[in-house]
Amino acid sequence: MYAYAYLIGCGILAIFWFIVYSARRDLRQEMLWASFAGMPFGVLDYFLVPRYWHPDSLFGFIDKFGMGIESFLFLFFMSGLCSVVY
């Protein structure tokens, strides 16, 4: 039931990210800048995720490396949304 929950959560964030991105043309530059600036922090999942959660991920990267594609996608969408929703 919880297979790929992390990826599904990223998909939900992506929907909201694209809605805000398409609706607010004046905030696109700030949103993209913040999204790319926050994305490298996906490396923090290496230190945090293995201790409390073992989610399924694309290609099994979380099991192999401690971080996955979903980590970077989550931070991309979340930092972009947080930077413009005020």
N, C-alpha and C. Protein backbone atom coordinates (compact mmCIF):
# COMPACT_ATOMS: atom_id res chain seq x y z
N MET A 1 0.81 -1.20 0.00
CA MET A 1 0.00 0.00 0.00
C MET A 1 0.86 1.26 0.00
N TYR A 2 1.99 1.20 0.69
CA TYR A 2 2.83 2.38 0.79
C TYR A 2 3.99 2.37 -0.20
N ALA A 3 3.94 1.50 -1.17
CA ALA A 3 5.01 1.45 -2.15
C ALA A 3 5.06 2.76 -2.92
N TYR A 4 6.22 3.29 -3.02
CA TYR A 4 6.48 4.53 -3.74
C TYR A 4 5.71 5.72 -3.17
N ALA A 5 5.50 5.74 -1.87
CA ALA A 5 4.80 6.86 -1.23
C ALA A 5 5.59 8.16 -1.39
N TYR A 6 6.90 8.07 -1.33
CA TYR A 6 7.75 9.24 -1.48
C TYR A 6 7.58 9.83 -2.89
N LEU A 7 7.54 8.99 -3.90
CA LEU A 7 7.36 9.46 -5.27
C LEU A 7 5.96 10.05 -5.48
N ILE A 8 4.96 9.45 -4.89
CA ILE A 8 3.59 9.98 -5.00
C ILE A 8 3.51 11.34 -4.33
N GLY A 9 4.14 11.50 -3.17
CA GLY A 9 4.18 12.80 -2.50
C GLY A 9 4.87 13.85 -3.35
N CYS A 10 5.93 13.47 -4.03
CA CYS A 10 6.62 14.40 -4.94
C CYS A 10 5.72 14.78 -6.11
N GLY A 11 4.94 13.84 -6.58
CA GLY A 11 4.00 14.12 -7.67
C GLY A 11 2.93 15.11 -7.26
N ILE A 12 2.44 14.98 -6.04
CA ILE A 12 1.45 15.93 -5.53
C ILE A 12 2.06 17.32 -5.41
N LEU A 13 3.27 17.40 -4.88
CA LEU A 13 3.95 18.69 -4.80
C LEU A 13 4.19 19.28 -6.19
N ALA A 14 4.51 18.43 -7.15
CA ALA A 14 4.76 18.89 -8.52
C ALA A 14 3.51 19.53 -9.11
N ILE A 15 2.36 18.98 -8.82
CA ILE A 15 1.11 19.57 -9.33
C ILE A 15 0.94 20.98 -8.80
N PHE A 16 1.12 21.16 -7.49
CA PHE A 16 0.99 22.50 -6.91
C PHE A 16 2.07 23.44 -7.43
N TRP A 17 3.29 22.92 -7.60
CA TRP A 17 4.38 23.73 -8.11
C TRP A 17 4.05 24.25 -9.51
N PHE A 18 3.55 23.38 -10.39
CA PHE A 18 3.21 23.79 -11.75
C PHE A 18 2.02 24.74 -11.78
N ILE A 19 1.07 24.58 -10.87
CA ILE A 19 -0.06 25.51 -10.80
C ILE A 19 0.43 26.90 -10.46
N VAL A 20 1.25 27.00 -9.42
CA VAL A 20 1.77 28.32 -9.02
C VAL A 20 2.67 28.88 -10.11
N TYR A 21 3.52 28.05 -10.70
CA TYR A 21 4.43 28.50 -11.74
C TYR A 21 3.67 29.04 -12.95
N SER A 22 2.60 28.39 -13.34
CA SER A 22 1.86 28.85 -14.52
C SER A 22 0.96 30.03 -14.20
N ALA A 23 0.50 30.15 -12.97
CA ALA A 23 -0.42 31.24 -12.62
C ALA A 23 0.30 32.55 -12.34
N ARG A 24 1.50 32.50 -11.81
CA ARG A 24 2.19 33.72 -11.40
C ARG A 24 3.45 33.92 -12.24
N ARG A 25 3.30 34.59 -13.35
CA ARG A 25 4.44 34.83 -14.23
C ARG A 25 5.49 35.73 -13.58
N ASP A 26 5.05 36.61 -12.69
CA ASP A 26 5.98 37.53 -12.05
C ASP A 26 6.90 36.84 -11.04
N LEU A 27 6.56 35.65 -10.60
CA LEU A 27 7.36 34.94 -9.60
C LEU A 27 8.16 33.78 -10.18
N ARG A 28 8.14 33.61 -11.46
CA ARG A 28 8.80 32.45 -12.07
C ARG A 28 10.30 32.42 -11.82
N GLN A 29 10.94 33.56 -11.97
CA GLN A 29 12.39 33.60 -11.79
C GLN A 29 12.79 33.24 -10.36
N GLU A 30 12.09 33.82 -9.38
CA GLU A 30 12.38 33.53 -7.98
C GLU A 30 12.10 32.06 -7.66
N MET A 31 11.03 31.55 -8.23
CA MET A 31 10.64 30.17 -7.97
C MET A 31 11.68 29.19 -8.52
N LEU A 32 12.12 29.42 -9.73
CA LEU A 32 13.14 28.55 -10.32
C LEU A 32 14.46 28.65 -9.57
N TRP A 33 14.85 29.88 -9.21
CA TRP A 33 16.10 30.07 -8.49
C TRP A 33 16.08 29.31 -7.17
N ALA A 34 15.00 29.48 -6.41
CA ALA A 34 14.89 28.82 -5.11
C ALA A 34 14.81 27.30 -5.27
N SER A 35 14.13 26.84 -6.30
CA SER A 35 14.01 25.39 -6.53
C SER A 35 15.37 24.77 -6.77
N PHE A 36 16.16 25.38 -7.64
CA PHE A 36 17.49 24.83 -7.92
C PHE A 36 18.45 25.02 -6.76
N ALA A 37 18.27 26.09 -5.98
CA ALA A 37 19.12 26.31 -4.81
C ALA A 37 18.83 25.28 -3.71
N GLY A 38 17.60 24.86 -3.57
CA GLY A 38 17.23 23.90 -2.54
C GLY A 38 17.48 22.45 -2.92
N MET A 39 17.57 22.19 -4.19
CA MET A 39 17.70 20.81 -4.66
C MET A 39 18.94 20.07 -4.13
N PRO A 40 20.11 20.70 -4.02
CA PRO A 40 21.28 19.96 -3.53
C PRO A 40 21.15 19.46 -2.09
N PHE A 41 20.23 20.01 -1.33
CA PHE A 41 20.05 19.57 0.04
C PHE A 41 19.41 18.18 0.12
N GLY A 42 19.11 17.58 -1.01
CA GLY A 42 18.63 16.21 -1.03
C GLY A 42 19.66 15.23 -0.48
N VAL A 43 20.91 15.66 -0.45
CA VAL A 43 21.98 14.85 0.11
C VAL A 43 21.75 14.60 1.60
N LEU A 44 21.03 15.48 2.26
CA LEU A 44 20.76 15.31 3.69
C LEU A 44 19.97 14.04 3.99
N ASP A 45 19.26 13.54 3.01
CA ASP A 45 18.53 12.29 3.22
C ASP A 45 19.47 11.13 3.54
N TYR A 46 20.70 11.24 3.11
CA TYR A 46 21.68 10.20 3.43
C TYR A 46 21.83 10.06 4.94
N PHE A 47 21.75 11.18 5.65
CA PHE A 47 21.91 11.17 7.10
C PHE A 47 20.61 10.95 7.85
N LEU A 48 19.47 11.30 7.25
CA LEU A 48 18.21 11.29 7.97
C LEU A 48 17.31 10.10 7.67
N VAL A 49 17.14 9.75 6.43
CA VAL A 49 16.16 8.72 6.06
C VAL A 49 16.49 7.33 6.60
N PRO A 50 17.70 6.85 6.51
CA PRO A 50 17.94 5.47 6.96
C PRO A 50 17.63 5.22 8.44
N ARG A 51 17.57 6.24 9.24
CA ARG A 51 17.34 6.06 10.66
C ARG A 51 15.88 5.84 11.02
N TYR A 52 14.97 6.37 10.22
CA TYR A 52 13.57 6.28 10.64
C TYR A 52 12.61 5.77 9.58
N TRP A 53 13.02 5.69 8.33
CA TRP A 53 12.09 5.29 7.29
C TRP A 53 12.86 4.63 6.16
N HIS A 54 12.32 3.57 5.62
CA HIS A 54 12.93 2.87 4.49
C HIS A 54 11.93 2.82 3.34
N PRO A 55 11.74 3.96 2.65
CA PRO A 55 10.74 3.99 1.58
C PRO A 55 11.23 3.28 0.33
N ASP A 56 10.30 2.81 -0.47
CA ASP A 56 10.65 2.30 -1.79
C ASP A 56 10.96 3.50 -2.67
N SER A 57 11.94 3.35 -3.53
CA SER A 57 12.31 4.46 -4.40
C SER A 57 12.55 3.94 -5.81
N LEU A 58 12.60 4.87 -6.73
CA LEU A 58 12.91 4.50 -8.11
C LEU A 58 14.31 3.91 -8.17
N PHE A 59 14.43 2.81 -8.83
CA PHE A 59 15.70 2.12 -9.06
C PHE A 59 16.39 1.68 -7.77
N GLY A 60 15.73 1.78 -6.61
CA GLY A 60 16.31 1.33 -5.35
C GLY A 60 17.48 2.16 -4.85
N PHE A 61 17.58 3.41 -5.28
CA PHE A 61 18.71 4.25 -4.89
C PHE A 61 18.78 4.51 -3.39
N ILE A 62 17.63 4.63 -2.72
CA ILE A 62 17.66 4.90 -1.28
C ILE A 62 18.29 3.73 -0.54
N ASP A 63 18.00 2.52 -0.97
CA ASP A 63 18.60 1.35 -0.33
C ASP A 63 20.10 1.26 -0.60
N LYS A 64 20.52 1.64 -1.80
CA LYS A 64 21.93 1.52 -2.18
C LYS A 64 22.77 2.68 -1.68
N PHE A 65 22.26 3.91 -1.82
CA PHE A 65 23.07 5.10 -1.54
C PHE A 65 22.58 5.93 -0.36
N GLY A 66 21.41 5.64 0.16
CA GLY A 66 20.86 6.43 1.27
C GLY A 66 20.12 7.66 0.82
N MET A 67 20.07 7.90 -0.47
CA MET A 67 19.30 9.02 -1.03
C MET A 67 18.86 8.61 -2.42
N GLY A 68 17.74 9.16 -2.84
CA GLY A 68 17.21 8.78 -4.13
C GLY A 68 16.80 9.99 -4.95
N ILE A 69 16.30 9.73 -6.12
CA ILE A 69 15.83 10.79 -7.01
C ILE A 69 14.71 11.57 -6.33
N GLU A 70 13.89 10.87 -5.57
CA GLU A 70 12.77 11.51 -4.89
C GLU A 70 13.23 12.56 -3.89
N SER A 71 14.38 12.35 -3.28
CA SER A 71 14.91 13.31 -2.31
C SER A 71 15.14 14.66 -2.98
N PHE A 72 15.74 14.62 -4.15
CA PHE A 72 16.05 15.85 -4.86
C PHE A 72 14.79 16.48 -5.46
N LEU A 73 13.88 15.66 -5.96
CA LEU A 73 12.62 16.18 -6.48
C LEU A 73 11.80 16.85 -5.39
N PHE A 74 11.73 16.22 -4.22
CA PHE A 74 10.97 16.77 -3.10
C PHE A 74 11.51 18.15 -2.73
N LEU A 75 12.82 18.27 -2.60
CA LEU A 75 13.39 19.55 -2.21
C LEU A 75 13.29 20.58 -3.33
N PHE A 76 13.34 20.15 -4.58
CA PHE A 76 13.15 21.08 -5.70
C PHE A 76 11.78 21.72 -5.62
N PHE A 77 10.74 20.89 -5.53
CA PHE A 77 9.38 21.40 -5.51
C PHE A 77 9.06 22.14 -4.22
N MET A 78 9.50 21.63 -3.09
CA MET A 78 9.18 22.25 -1.81
C MET A 78 9.86 23.61 -1.66
N SER A 79 11.12 23.72 -2.02
CA SER A 79 11.80 25.01 -1.88
C SER A 79 11.24 26.03 -2.85
N GLY A 80 10.84 25.61 -4.04
CA GLY A 80 10.22 26.54 -4.97
C GLY A 80 8.89 27.05 -4.47
N LEU A 81 8.08 26.17 -3.91
CA LEU A 81 6.79 26.59 -3.36
C LEU A 81 6.96 27.48 -2.13
N CYS A 82 7.85 27.09 -1.26
CA CYS A 82 8.04 27.87 -0.02
C CYS A 82 8.58 29.27 -0.31
N SER A 83 9.31 29.42 -1.38
CA SER A 83 9.90 30.73 -1.68
C SER A 83 8.88 31.74 -2.19
N VAL A 84 7.77 31.28 -2.72
CA VAL A 84 6.81 32.23 -3.31
C VAL A 84 5.45 32.25 -2.62
N VAL A 85 5.19 31.32 -1.74
CA VAL A 85 3.91 31.30 -1.03
C VAL A 85 4.10 32.04 0.28
N TYR A 86 3.74 33.32 0.27
CA TYR A 86 3.90 34.14 1.47
C TYR A 86 2.73 35.08 1.60
